[in-house]
Amino acid sequence: MTNPTDIILYDRLMKRKVNGEFTGSIISKCKDKIIFSNNIRISDDEGISIIQGLLVGFEKDVNKVIAVSKKSDFLWKNLEEDILEYSVLIPEDTMEQYDKGQFSDDFPYTLNLLHTAGLLLNAPDNRINHLDFFKGEILKNPVCSVLKGILVADRVVIDDKGDPYFYDCLIIGRDEHEDLKVSYDTIVNLDEKNVDYIIILGIEELKI
């Protein structure tokens, strides 16, 4: 994993905050939600703000939980009390690797879901597991929350045992010293016990 010090824009745990206005591929973790954006503004006086970021996660809907992805503006003023955990600017060379590894949308055996859906959710009171249903399939645009980290992939393949294999992956996580690291990998297999959730982004939401 590589970790240029200037890619960590904010890290609540390690008390790191870099003031300024930044653009690029930015991923933020906010409690159990993930926010994708191309901008972020950080200052001592005004806090941290993101304009039209894409929020991804699970939310309660009446008596059930559903996967959501929606555009919104975000503002965190009291960083001691707010739930923003970190914001990371993905290095350009890492994004180039990710872009080069992506499948064409015209690949005939890849499933593009129309709307965002939950593939897996490990929660004490709410559990979703559709891995067996998608055995042998290739699903585009998975977002995965794991222990201490985030995995964003171009596609996920569910093998004949029901295990998820992620291809063309951006990975954000903490090392043994709790420092944030960013890396790229061509393939990652995760034990579902270490996964908080897997969400498949819908192409309609990505067009917004």
N, C-alpha and C. Protein backbone atom coordinates (compact mmCIF):
# COMPACT_ATOMS: atom_id res chain seq x y z
N MET A 1 0.84 -1.20 0.00
CA MET A 1 0.00 0.00 0.00
C MET A 1 0.87 1.25 0.00
N THR A 2 0.41 2.25 -0.71
CA THR A 2 1.11 3.52 -0.71
C THR A 2 0.34 4.50 0.15
N ASN A 3 1.06 5.46 0.69
CA ASN A 3 0.40 6.43 1.54
C ASN A 3 1.11 7.77 1.52
N PRO A 4 1.07 8.50 0.38
CA PRO A 4 1.60 9.86 0.39
C PRO A 4 0.84 10.66 1.44
N THR A 5 1.56 11.43 2.26
CA THR A 5 0.91 12.09 3.38
C THR A 5 -0.14 13.09 2.94
N ASP A 6 -0.05 13.61 1.72
CA ASP A 6 -1.00 14.64 1.32
C ASP A 6 -2.33 14.09 0.83
N ILE A 7 -2.52 12.76 0.80
CA ILE A 7 -3.80 12.23 0.35
C ILE A 7 -4.79 12.13 1.50
N ILE A 8 -4.34 12.17 2.74
CA ILE A 8 -5.23 12.10 3.90
C ILE A 8 -5.64 13.52 4.25
N LEU A 9 -6.84 13.92 3.82
CA LEU A 9 -7.30 15.29 4.04
C LEU A 9 -7.86 15.47 5.44
N TYR A 10 -8.51 14.44 5.95
CA TYR A 10 -9.05 14.50 7.31
C TYR A 10 -9.08 13.10 7.90
N ASP A 11 -8.65 12.98 9.13
CA ASP A 11 -8.68 11.71 9.84
C ASP A 11 -8.96 12.01 11.31
N ARG A 12 -10.18 11.77 11.72
CA ARG A 12 -10.57 12.09 13.10
C ARG A 12 -9.76 11.30 14.12
N LEU A 13 -9.54 10.02 13.84
CA LEU A 13 -8.83 9.16 14.79
C LEU A 13 -7.40 9.65 15.03
N MET A 14 -6.70 10.01 13.95
CA MET A 14 -5.31 10.42 14.06
C MET A 14 -5.15 11.94 14.19
N LYS A 15 -6.29 12.64 14.32
CA LYS A 15 -6.30 14.10 14.53
C LYS A 15 -5.53 14.83 13.41
N ARG A 16 -5.83 14.44 12.18
CA ARG A 16 -5.21 15.09 11.03
C ARG A 16 -6.27 15.88 10.26
N LYS A 17 -5.97 17.13 9.94
CA LYS A 17 -6.88 17.96 9.16
C LYS A 17 -6.06 18.91 8.32
N VAL A 18 -6.27 18.89 7.01
CA VAL A 18 -5.54 19.74 6.07
C VAL A 18 -6.51 20.79 5.53
N ASN A 19 -6.31 22.04 5.88
CA ASN A 19 -7.19 23.10 5.41
C ASN A 19 -6.97 23.40 3.93
N GLY A 20 -8.06 23.74 3.24
CA GLY A 20 -7.96 24.10 1.83
C GLY A 20 -9.17 23.61 1.05
N GLU A 21 -9.16 23.88 -0.25
CA GLU A 21 -10.18 23.39 -1.17
C GLU A 21 -9.53 22.37 -2.10
N PHE A 22 -10.13 21.20 -2.20
CA PHE A 22 -9.53 20.10 -2.94
C PHE A 22 -10.53 19.53 -3.95
N THR A 23 -10.02 19.14 -5.11
CA THR A 23 -10.83 18.49 -6.12
C THR A 23 -10.12 17.21 -6.57
N GLY A 24 -10.91 16.28 -7.09
CA GLY A 24 -10.35 15.00 -7.52
C GLY A 24 -11.29 13.89 -7.09
N SER A 25 -10.76 12.68 -7.00
CA SER A 25 -11.55 11.53 -6.56
C SER A 25 -11.42 11.42 -5.05
N ILE A 26 -12.47 11.80 -4.34
CA ILE A 26 -12.44 11.88 -2.88
C ILE A 26 -13.45 10.90 -2.30
N ILE A 27 -13.00 10.11 -1.33
CA ILE A 27 -13.87 9.16 -0.64
C ILE A 27 -13.85 9.49 0.85
N SER A 28 -15.04 9.63 1.43
CA SER A 28 -15.16 9.96 2.84
C SER A 28 -15.97 8.87 3.55
N LYS A 29 -15.61 8.59 4.79
CA LYS A 29 -16.35 7.63 5.62
C LYS A 29 -17.04 8.40 6.72
N CYS A 30 -18.35 8.20 6.81
CA CYS A 30 -19.15 8.93 7.79
C CYS A 30 -19.98 7.90 8.56
N LYS A 31 -19.44 7.45 9.68
CA LYS A 31 -20.05 6.38 10.48
C LYS A 31 -20.24 5.15 9.60
N ASP A 32 -21.49 4.76 9.32
CA ASP A 32 -21.74 3.57 8.50
C ASP A 32 -22.06 3.91 7.05
N LYS A 33 -21.79 5.15 6.64
CA LYS A 33 -22.05 5.58 5.27
C LYS A 33 -20.75 5.93 4.56
N ILE A 34 -20.77 5.88 3.23
CA ILE A 34 -19.64 6.24 2.40
C ILE A 34 -20.08 7.36 1.46
N ILE A 35 -19.22 8.37 1.31
CA ILE A 35 -19.56 9.51 0.45
C ILE A 35 -18.49 9.65 -0.63
N PHE A 36 -18.93 9.63 -1.90
CA PHE A 36 -18.05 9.86 -3.03
C PHE A 36 -18.26 11.30 -3.51
N SER A 37 -17.17 12.01 -3.76
CA SER A 37 -17.29 13.39 -4.23
C SER A 37 -16.08 13.76 -5.07
N ASN A 38 -16.22 14.88 -5.79
CA ASN A 38 -15.09 15.42 -6.55
C ASN A 38 -14.63 16.75 -5.96
N ASN A 39 -15.11 17.05 -4.74
CA ASN A 39 -14.72 18.29 -4.09
C ASN A 39 -14.86 18.17 -2.58
N ILE A 40 -14.06 18.97 -1.88
CA ILE A 40 -14.18 19.08 -0.43
C ILE A 40 -13.50 20.37 0.00
N ARG A 41 -14.09 21.02 0.98
CA ARG A 41 -13.52 22.26 1.51
C ARG A 41 -13.34 22.08 3.02
N ILE A 42 -12.14 22.40 3.51
CA ILE A 42 -11.81 22.20 4.92
C ILE A 42 -11.24 23.50 5.48
N SER A 43 -11.82 23.98 6.57
CA SER A 43 -11.29 25.19 7.20
C SER A 43 -11.57 25.16 8.70
N ASP A 44 -10.79 25.92 9.46
CA ASP A 44 -10.98 25.98 10.91
C ASP A 44 -12.29 26.68 11.26
N ASP A 45 -12.67 27.68 10.49
CA ASP A 45 -13.84 28.49 10.82
C ASP A 45 -15.15 27.84 10.37
N GLU A 46 -15.14 27.24 9.17
CA GLU A 46 -16.39 26.74 8.58
C GLU A 46 -16.53 25.23 8.61
N GLY A 47 -15.55 24.53 9.11
CA GLY A 47 -15.64 23.08 9.18
C GLY A 47 -15.30 22.42 7.86
N ILE A 48 -16.00 21.33 7.57
CA ILE A 48 -15.75 20.55 6.35
C ILE A 48 -17.05 20.48 5.55
N SER A 49 -16.96 20.77 4.25
CA SER A 49 -18.16 20.74 3.41
C SER A 49 -17.89 20.04 2.09
N ILE A 50 -18.92 19.37 1.58
CA ILE A 50 -18.89 18.69 0.29
C ILE A 50 -20.14 19.11 -0.47
N ILE A 51 -19.98 19.47 -1.73
CA ILE A 51 -21.11 19.86 -2.57
C ILE A 51 -21.48 18.69 -3.49
N GLN A 52 -22.73 18.26 -3.41
CA GLN A 52 -23.28 17.21 -4.26
C GLN A 52 -22.43 15.94 -4.26
N GLY A 53 -22.17 15.43 -3.05
CA GLY A 53 -21.52 14.13 -2.93
C GLY A 53 -22.56 13.02 -3.05
N LEU A 54 -22.10 11.82 -3.40
CA LEU A 54 -22.99 10.66 -3.52
C LEU A 54 -22.88 9.83 -2.24
N LEU A 55 -23.95 9.81 -1.46
CA LEU A 55 -24.01 9.06 -0.20
C LEU A 55 -24.46 7.63 -0.48
N VAL A 56 -23.72 6.66 0.06
CA VAL A 56 -24.05 5.25 -0.14
C VAL A 56 -24.09 4.57 1.22
N GLY A 57 -25.13 3.78 1.46
CA GLY A 57 -25.24 3.06 2.72
C GLY A 57 -26.62 2.44 2.87
N PHE A 58 -26.94 2.06 4.10
CA PHE A 58 -28.26 1.51 4.40
C PHE A 58 -29.02 2.48 5.30
N GLU A 59 -30.33 2.57 5.08
CA GLU A 59 -31.19 3.40 5.91
C GLU A 59 -32.46 2.63 6.25
N LYS A 60 -33.05 2.98 7.39
CA LYS A 60 -34.31 2.35 7.80
C LYS A 60 -35.46 2.93 7.00
N ASP A 61 -36.35 2.03 6.56
CA ASP A 61 -37.55 2.43 5.84
C ASP A 61 -38.72 1.66 6.44
N VAL A 62 -39.47 2.32 7.30
CA VAL A 62 -40.55 1.70 8.07
C VAL A 62 -39.96 0.57 8.92
N ASN A 63 -40.28 -0.69 8.61
CA ASN A 63 -39.80 -1.80 9.44
C ASN A 63 -38.66 -2.59 8.80
N LYS A 64 -38.02 -2.01 7.78
CA LYS A 64 -36.92 -2.72 7.13
C LYS A 64 -35.81 -1.74 6.80
N VAL A 65 -34.67 -2.27 6.42
CA VAL A 65 -33.56 -1.43 5.99
C VAL A 65 -33.37 -1.62 4.49
N ILE A 66 -33.02 -0.54 3.81
CA ILE A 66 -32.82 -0.60 2.37
C ILE A 66 -31.50 0.08 2.01
N ALA A 67 -30.90 -0.37 0.92
CA ALA A 67 -29.69 0.27 0.41
C ALA A 67 -30.08 1.55 -0.31
N VAL A 68 -29.28 2.59 -0.10
CA VAL A 68 -29.56 3.88 -0.74
C VAL A 68 -28.29 4.45 -1.36
N SER A 69 -28.48 5.23 -2.40
CA SER A 69 -27.42 6.07 -2.96
C SER A 69 -28.09 7.34 -3.43
N LYS A 70 -27.65 8.47 -2.89
CA LYS A 70 -28.33 9.73 -3.23
C LYS A 70 -27.36 10.89 -3.14
N LYS A 71 -27.58 11.87 -4.01
CA LYS A 71 -26.75 13.07 -4.05
C LYS A 71 -27.23 14.07 -2.99
N SER A 72 -26.28 14.72 -2.33
CA SER A 72 -26.64 15.71 -1.32
C SER A 72 -25.42 16.58 -1.02
N ASP A 73 -25.68 17.72 -0.36
CA ASP A 73 -24.62 18.57 0.17
C ASP A 73 -24.38 18.16 1.62
N PHE A 74 -23.13 18.29 2.07
CA PHE A 74 -22.78 17.87 3.42
C PHE A 74 -21.97 18.97 4.11
N LEU A 75 -22.23 19.13 5.40
CA LEU A 75 -21.49 20.11 6.19
C LEU A 75 -21.29 19.56 7.60
N TRP A 76 -20.03 19.54 8.03
CA TRP A 76 -19.69 19.14 9.39
C TRP A 76 -18.98 20.30 10.06
N LYS A 77 -19.64 20.92 11.03
CA LYS A 77 -19.06 22.10 11.69
C LYS A 77 -18.32 21.75 12.96
N ASN A 78 -18.94 20.92 13.79
CA ASN A 78 -18.33 20.52 15.06
C ASN A 78 -17.67 19.15 14.88
N LEU A 79 -16.40 19.18 14.53
CA LEU A 79 -15.72 17.92 14.20
C LEU A 79 -15.51 17.03 15.42
N GLU A 80 -15.60 17.59 16.60
CA GLU A 80 -15.46 16.78 17.81
C GLU A 80 -16.70 15.93 18.06
N GLU A 81 -17.85 16.42 17.58
CA GLU A 81 -19.10 15.72 17.82
C GLU A 81 -19.68 15.06 16.57
N ASP A 82 -19.33 15.56 15.39
CA ASP A 82 -19.89 15.01 14.16
C ASP A 82 -19.33 13.63 13.86
N ILE A 83 -20.00 12.93 12.94
CA ILE A 83 -19.69 11.51 12.72
C ILE A 83 -18.78 11.27 11.52
N LEU A 84 -18.22 12.32 10.94
CA LEU A 84 -17.26 12.13 9.85
C LEU A 84 -15.98 11.50 10.40
N GLU A 85 -15.58 10.38 9.81
CA GLU A 85 -14.38 9.67 10.29
C GLU A 85 -13.14 10.08 9.51
N TYR A 86 -13.25 10.08 8.18
CA TYR A 86 -12.08 10.48 7.39
C TYR A 86 -12.48 10.83 5.97
N SER A 87 -11.60 11.59 5.32
CA SER A 87 -11.73 11.93 3.90
C SER A 87 -10.37 11.73 3.25
N VAL A 88 -10.38 11.02 2.13
CA VAL A 88 -9.13 10.65 1.46
C VAL A 88 -9.21 11.05 -0.01
N LEU A 89 -8.15 11.69 -0.50
CA LEU A 89 -8.01 12.03 -1.92
C LEU A 89 -7.23 10.91 -2.60
N ILE A 90 -7.89 10.18 -3.49
CA ILE A 90 -7.25 9.04 -4.15
C ILE A 90 -6.18 9.54 -5.12
N PRO A 91 -4.95 9.04 -5.02
CA PRO A 91 -3.88 9.49 -5.92
C PRO A 91 -4.23 9.25 -7.39
N GLU A 92 -3.74 10.14 -8.26
CA GLU A 92 -4.07 10.05 -9.69
C GLU A 92 -3.57 8.74 -10.30
N ASP A 93 -2.38 8.28 -9.91
CA ASP A 93 -1.87 7.04 -10.50
C ASP A 93 -2.70 5.83 -10.09
N THR A 94 -3.25 5.86 -8.87
CA THR A 94 -4.12 4.78 -8.41
C THR A 94 -5.43 4.79 -9.19
N MET A 95 -5.97 5.99 -9.44
CA MET A 95 -7.20 6.09 -10.22
C MET A 95 -6.98 5.65 -11.66
N GLU A 96 -5.79 5.90 -12.20
CA GLU A 96 -5.49 5.46 -13.56
C GLU A 96 -5.49 3.93 -13.64
N GLN A 97 -4.92 3.27 -12.62
CA GLN A 97 -4.95 1.81 -12.57
C GLN A 97 -6.40 1.31 -12.54
N TYR A 98 -7.20 1.95 -11.71
CA TYR A 98 -8.60 1.56 -11.56
C TYR A 98 -9.36 1.74 -12.88
N ASP A 99 -9.16 2.86 -13.52
CA ASP A 99 -9.86 3.14 -14.78
C ASP A 99 -9.46 2.15 -15.88
N LYS A 100 -8.17 1.80 -15.94
CA LYS A 100 -7.69 0.87 -16.97
C LYS A 100 -8.25 -0.53 -16.78
N GLY A 101 -8.54 -0.90 -15.53
CA GLY A 101 -8.99 -2.25 -15.24
C GLY A 101 -10.48 -2.47 -15.41
N GLN A 102 -11.24 -1.43 -15.69
CA GLN A 102 -12.69 -1.57 -15.75
C GLN A 102 -13.15 -2.30 -17.00
N PHE A 103 -14.17 -3.13 -16.80
CA PHE A 103 -14.83 -3.82 -17.91
C PHE A 103 -15.61 -2.81 -18.74
N SER A 104 -15.75 -3.10 -20.00
CA SER A 104 -16.66 -2.33 -20.84
C SER A 104 -18.10 -2.60 -20.40
N ASP A 105 -18.94 -1.57 -20.45
CA ASP A 105 -20.35 -1.75 -20.12
C ASP A 105 -21.06 -2.64 -21.13
N ASP A 106 -20.41 -2.88 -22.27
CA ASP A 106 -21.02 -3.72 -23.31
C ASP A 106 -20.71 -5.20 -23.12
N PHE A 107 -19.91 -5.54 -22.08
CA PHE A 107 -19.58 -6.95 -21.86
C PHE A 107 -20.88 -7.72 -21.61
N PRO A 108 -21.17 -8.76 -22.40
CA PRO A 108 -22.52 -9.35 -22.42
C PRO A 108 -22.94 -10.07 -21.14
N TYR A 109 -22.01 -10.51 -20.31
CA TYR A 109 -22.40 -11.31 -19.15
C TYR A 109 -22.38 -10.55 -17.84
N THR A 110 -22.26 -9.23 -17.92
CA THR A 110 -22.21 -8.41 -16.72
C THR A 110 -23.58 -7.81 -16.44
N LEU A 111 -24.01 -7.92 -15.16
CA LEU A 111 -25.31 -7.40 -14.77
C LEU A 111 -25.15 -5.98 -14.23
N ASN A 112 -25.82 -5.02 -14.87
CA ASN A 112 -25.91 -3.66 -14.38
C ASN A 112 -27.29 -3.49 -13.77
N LEU A 113 -27.37 -3.29 -12.47
CA LEU A 113 -28.67 -3.09 -11.84
C LEU A 113 -29.19 -1.69 -12.14
N LEU A 114 -30.48 -1.59 -12.36
CA LEU A 114 -31.07 -0.29 -12.68
C LEU A 114 -31.03 0.64 -11.47
N HIS A 115 -31.38 0.09 -10.30
CA HIS A 115 -31.37 0.89 -9.07
C HIS A 115 -30.48 0.24 -8.02
N THR A 116 -30.01 1.04 -7.10
CA THR A 116 -29.12 0.56 -6.04
C THR A 116 -29.81 -0.51 -5.19
N ALA A 117 -29.04 -1.56 -4.84
CA ALA A 117 -29.61 -2.67 -4.07
C ALA A 117 -28.57 -3.22 -3.10
N GLY A 118 -29.06 -3.74 -1.99
CA GLY A 118 -28.18 -4.37 -1.00
C GLY A 118 -27.93 -5.82 -1.35
N LEU A 119 -26.66 -6.20 -1.43
CA LEU A 119 -26.30 -7.58 -1.71
C LEU A 119 -26.03 -8.34 -0.42
N LEU A 120 -25.42 -7.65 0.56
CA LEU A 120 -25.10 -8.29 1.83
C LEU A 120 -25.11 -7.23 2.93
N LEU A 121 -25.70 -7.57 4.06
CA LEU A 121 -25.68 -6.70 5.23
C LEU A 121 -25.54 -7.55 6.48
N ASN A 122 -24.46 -7.34 7.21
CA ASN A 122 -24.25 -8.01 8.48
C ASN A 122 -24.54 -7.02 9.60
N ALA A 123 -25.70 -7.13 10.19
CA ALA A 123 -26.10 -6.25 11.28
C ALA A 123 -26.84 -7.08 12.32
N PRO A 124 -26.69 -6.73 13.60
CA PRO A 124 -27.31 -7.54 14.66
C PRO A 124 -28.81 -7.74 14.48
N ASP A 125 -29.52 -6.68 14.12
CA ASP A 125 -30.98 -6.75 14.04
C ASP A 125 -31.50 -6.88 12.62
N ASN A 126 -30.63 -6.66 11.65
CA ASN A 126 -31.05 -6.73 10.25
C ASN A 126 -29.96 -7.42 9.43
N ARG A 127 -30.34 -8.49 8.77
CA ARG A 127 -29.37 -9.22 7.97
C ARG A 127 -29.93 -9.44 6.57
N ILE A 128 -29.10 -9.14 5.58
CA ILE A 128 -29.44 -9.37 4.18
C ILE A 128 -28.33 -10.20 3.57
N ASN A 129 -28.67 -11.26 2.86
CA ASN A 129 -27.66 -12.07 2.18
C ASN A 129 -28.26 -12.64 0.89
N HIS A 130 -27.88 -12.00 -0.22
CA HIS A 130 -28.35 -12.44 -1.53
C HIS A 130 -27.22 -13.05 -2.36
N LEU A 131 -26.13 -13.44 -1.69
CA LEU A 131 -24.98 -13.98 -2.41
C LEU A 131 -25.33 -15.25 -3.18
N ASP A 132 -26.07 -16.17 -2.53
CA ASP A 132 -26.43 -17.42 -3.20
C ASP A 132 -27.29 -17.18 -4.43
N PHE A 133 -28.13 -16.15 -4.37
CA PHE A 133 -29.02 -15.85 -5.48
C PHE A 133 -28.23 -15.45 -6.73
N PHE A 134 -27.05 -14.85 -6.52
CA PHE A 134 -26.26 -14.35 -7.65
C PHE A 134 -25.03 -15.23 -7.95
N LYS A 135 -25.06 -16.49 -7.54
CA LYS A 135 -23.95 -17.39 -7.84
C LYS A 135 -23.68 -17.43 -9.34
N GLY A 136 -22.40 -17.30 -9.69
CA GLY A 136 -22.00 -17.37 -11.09
C GLY A 136 -22.23 -16.11 -11.88
N GLU A 137 -22.74 -15.07 -11.25
CA GLU A 137 -23.03 -13.83 -11.96
C GLU A 137 -21.91 -12.80 -11.75
N ILE A 138 -21.85 -11.83 -12.66
CA ILE A 138 -20.92 -10.71 -12.56
C ILE A 138 -21.75 -9.45 -12.36
N LEU A 139 -21.57 -8.79 -11.22
CA LEU A 139 -22.33 -7.59 -10.89
C LEU A 139 -21.42 -6.37 -10.96
N LYS A 140 -21.89 -5.33 -11.63
CA LYS A 140 -21.12 -4.10 -11.77
C LYS A 140 -21.32 -3.17 -10.56
N ASN A 141 -20.28 -2.39 -10.28
CA ASN A 141 -20.32 -1.27 -9.33
C ASN A 141 -20.62 -1.65 -7.88
N PRO A 142 -19.88 -2.62 -7.31
CA PRO A 142 -20.06 -2.92 -5.90
C PRO A 142 -19.29 -1.95 -5.00
N VAL A 143 -19.90 -1.60 -3.88
CA VAL A 143 -19.26 -0.80 -2.83
C VAL A 143 -19.34 -1.62 -1.56
N CYS A 144 -18.22 -1.77 -0.88
CA CYS A 144 -18.15 -2.68 0.25
C CYS A 144 -17.56 -1.97 1.47
N SER A 145 -18.26 -2.05 2.59
CA SER A 145 -17.74 -1.56 3.86
C SER A 145 -17.23 -2.75 4.65
N VAL A 146 -15.96 -2.69 5.04
CA VAL A 146 -15.34 -3.79 5.77
C VAL A 146 -14.78 -3.26 7.09
N LEU A 147 -14.27 -4.17 7.89
CA LEU A 147 -13.70 -3.79 9.17
C LEU A 147 -12.59 -2.75 8.96
N LYS A 148 -12.80 -1.54 9.46
CA LYS A 148 -11.84 -0.44 9.40
C LYS A 148 -11.58 0.07 7.98
N GLY A 149 -12.42 -0.28 7.01
CA GLY A 149 -12.08 0.16 5.66
C GLY A 149 -13.22 0.15 4.66
N ILE A 150 -12.84 0.48 3.43
CA ILE A 150 -13.76 0.58 2.30
C ILE A 150 -13.14 -0.11 1.10
N LEU A 151 -13.95 -0.82 0.33
CA LEU A 151 -13.50 -1.40 -0.92
C LEU A 151 -14.49 -0.98 -2.00
N VAL A 152 -13.98 -0.39 -3.07
CA VAL A 152 -14.78 0.00 -4.22
C VAL A 152 -14.23 -0.74 -5.43
N ALA A 153 -15.08 -1.50 -6.11
CA ALA A 153 -14.60 -2.32 -7.22
C ALA A 153 -15.41 -2.05 -8.49
N ASP A 154 -14.83 -2.46 -9.60
CA ASP A 154 -15.55 -2.35 -10.87
C ASP A 154 -16.63 -3.42 -10.95
N ARG A 155 -16.36 -4.62 -10.39
CA ARG A 155 -17.31 -5.71 -10.46
C ARG A 155 -17.04 -6.73 -9.36
N VAL A 156 -18.07 -7.50 -9.04
CA VAL A 156 -17.94 -8.59 -8.08
C VAL A 156 -18.52 -9.85 -8.72
N VAL A 157 -17.81 -10.95 -8.54
CA VAL A 157 -18.26 -12.25 -9.05
C VAL A 157 -18.55 -13.15 -7.86
N ILE A 158 -19.72 -13.76 -7.84
CA ILE A 158 -20.08 -14.70 -6.78
C ILE A 158 -19.77 -16.10 -7.28
N ASP A 159 -18.82 -16.79 -6.62
CA ASP A 159 -18.42 -18.11 -7.12
C ASP A 159 -19.45 -19.17 -6.73
N ASP A 160 -19.18 -20.42 -7.11
CA ASP A 160 -20.18 -21.48 -6.91
C ASP A 160 -20.37 -21.83 -5.44
N LYS A 161 -19.49 -21.33 -4.55
CA LYS A 161 -19.66 -21.53 -3.12
C LYS A 161 -20.40 -20.36 -2.46
N GLY A 162 -20.69 -19.34 -3.28
CA GLY A 162 -21.37 -18.17 -2.73
C GLY A 162 -20.43 -17.14 -2.15
N ASP A 163 -19.14 -17.23 -2.47
CA ASP A 163 -18.15 -16.28 -1.96
C ASP A 163 -17.94 -15.14 -2.97
N PRO A 164 -17.83 -13.90 -2.48
CA PRO A 164 -17.64 -12.76 -3.39
C PRO A 164 -16.17 -12.53 -3.73
N TYR A 165 -15.88 -12.37 -5.02
CA TYR A 165 -14.55 -12.01 -5.50
C TYR A 165 -14.68 -10.65 -6.22
N PHE A 166 -13.91 -9.68 -5.72
CA PHE A 166 -13.97 -8.33 -6.27
C PHE A 166 -12.82 -8.13 -7.25
N TYR A 167 -13.11 -7.49 -8.39
CA TYR A 167 -12.11 -7.25 -9.42
C TYR A 167 -11.95 -5.75 -9.66
N ASP A 168 -10.68 -5.34 -9.86
CA ASP A 168 -10.35 -3.95 -10.13
C ASP A 168 -10.78 -3.10 -8.93
N CYS A 169 -9.99 -3.17 -7.87
CA CYS A 169 -10.42 -2.67 -6.56
C CYS A 169 -9.60 -1.48 -6.06
N LEU A 170 -10.31 -0.47 -5.56
CA LEU A 170 -9.72 0.57 -4.74
C LEU A 170 -9.96 0.20 -3.28
N ILE A 171 -8.91 0.27 -2.47
CA ILE A 171 -9.02 -0.16 -1.08
C ILE A 171 -8.51 0.95 -0.16
N ILE A 172 -9.33 1.30 0.82
CA ILE A 172 -8.92 2.24 1.86
C ILE A 172 -9.05 1.52 3.19
N GLY A 173 -7.98 1.53 3.98
CA GLY A 173 -8.02 0.84 5.27
C GLY A 173 -6.93 1.33 6.19
N ARG A 174 -6.94 0.82 7.39
CA ARG A 174 -5.95 1.19 8.39
C ARG A 174 -4.96 0.05 8.60
N ASP A 175 -3.69 0.42 8.79
CA ASP A 175 -2.67 -0.59 9.05
C ASP A 175 -2.60 -0.89 10.54
N GLU A 176 -1.56 -1.61 10.95
CA GLU A 176 -1.43 -2.01 12.35
C GLU A 176 -1.21 -0.83 13.29
N HIS A 177 -0.83 0.31 12.72
CA HIS A 177 -0.63 1.52 13.52
C HIS A 177 -1.84 2.46 13.43
N GLU A 178 -2.90 2.00 12.79
CA GLU A 178 -4.14 2.76 12.60
C GLU A 178 -3.98 3.91 11.60
N ASP A 179 -2.90 3.92 10.83
CA ASP A 179 -2.73 4.92 9.78
C ASP A 179 -3.55 4.51 8.55
N LEU A 180 -4.18 5.48 7.91
CA LEU A 180 -4.95 5.21 6.71
C LEU A 180 -4.03 4.94 5.52
N LYS A 181 -4.36 3.94 4.73
CA LYS A 181 -3.61 3.58 3.54
C LYS A 181 -4.56 3.45 2.36
N VAL A 182 -4.06 3.75 1.18
CA VAL A 182 -4.84 3.61 -0.05
C VAL A 182 -4.07 2.70 -0.99
N SER A 183 -4.77 1.76 -1.61
CA SER A 183 -4.09 0.85 -2.54
C SER A 183 -5.04 0.42 -3.64
N TYR A 184 -4.44 -0.22 -4.64
CA TYR A 184 -5.20 -0.81 -5.75
C TYR A 184 -4.84 -2.28 -5.84
N ASP A 185 -5.83 -3.13 -6.13
CA ASP A 185 -5.56 -4.54 -6.33
C ASP A 185 -6.46 -5.05 -7.45
N THR A 186 -5.96 -6.01 -8.22
CA THR A 186 -6.74 -6.52 -9.35
C THR A 186 -7.85 -7.45 -8.89
N ILE A 187 -7.63 -8.18 -7.79
CA ILE A 187 -8.65 -9.12 -7.30
C ILE A 187 -8.54 -9.24 -5.78
N VAL A 188 -9.70 -9.24 -5.12
CA VAL A 188 -9.75 -9.37 -3.67
C VAL A 188 -10.90 -10.32 -3.32
N ASN A 189 -10.60 -11.30 -2.48
CA ASN A 189 -11.63 -12.19 -1.94
C ASN A 189 -11.80 -11.88 -0.46
N LEU A 190 -13.03 -11.66 -0.03
CA LEU A 190 -13.29 -11.31 1.36
C LEU A 190 -14.13 -12.38 2.04
N ASP A 191 -13.79 -12.68 3.27
CA ASP A 191 -14.64 -13.52 4.10
C ASP A 191 -15.85 -12.67 4.50
N GLU A 192 -17.04 -13.15 4.22
CA GLU A 192 -18.22 -12.34 4.49
C GLU A 192 -18.38 -11.99 5.96
N LYS A 193 -17.71 -12.73 6.85
CA LYS A 193 -17.77 -12.41 8.28
C LYS A 193 -17.10 -11.07 8.58
N ASN A 194 -16.16 -10.66 7.72
CA ASN A 194 -15.45 -9.39 7.91
C ASN A 194 -16.06 -8.24 7.13
N VAL A 195 -17.21 -8.48 6.53
CA VAL A 195 -17.87 -7.48 5.70
C VAL A 195 -19.05 -6.88 6.45
N ASP A 196 -19.11 -5.56 6.53
CA ASP A 196 -20.28 -4.89 7.10
C ASP A 196 -21.43 -4.94 6.11
N TYR A 197 -21.14 -4.55 4.86
CA TYR A 197 -22.17 -4.63 3.84
C TYR A 197 -21.55 -4.55 2.45
N ILE A 198 -22.31 -5.05 1.47
CA ILE A 198 -21.99 -4.88 0.05
C ILE A 198 -23.23 -4.29 -0.62
N ILE A 199 -23.04 -3.18 -1.30
CA ILE A 199 -24.11 -2.52 -2.03
C ILE A 199 -23.73 -2.45 -3.50
N ILE A 200 -24.69 -2.73 -4.36
CA ILE A 200 -24.49 -2.62 -5.81
C ILE A 200 -25.14 -1.32 -6.27
N LEU A 201 -24.32 -0.40 -6.78
CA LEU A 201 -24.85 0.88 -7.22
C LEU A 201 -25.65 0.73 -8.52
N GLY A 202 -26.81 1.35 -8.55
CA GLY A 202 -27.64 1.30 -9.75
C GLY A 202 -27.19 2.32 -10.79
N ILE A 203 -27.33 1.96 -12.05
CA ILE A 203 -26.86 2.85 -13.11
C ILE A 203 -27.70 4.12 -13.18
N GLU A 204 -28.97 4.08 -12.75
CA GLU A 204 -29.79 5.28 -12.76
C GLU A 204 -29.24 6.31 -11.77
N GLU A 205 -28.82 5.84 -10.58
CA GLU A 205 -28.25 6.76 -9.59
C GLU A 205 -26.92 7.31 -10.05
N LEU A 206 -26.12 6.51 -10.75
CA LEU A 206 -24.82 6.97 -11.22
C LEU A 206 -24.94 7.99 -12.33
N LYS A 207 -26.08 8.05 -13.00
CA LYS A 207 -26.28 9.03 -14.07
C LYS A 207 -26.64 10.41 -13.53
N ILE A 208 -27.04 10.48 -12.26
CA ILE A 208 -27.50 11.76 -11.69
C ILE A 208 -26.38 12.78 -11.70
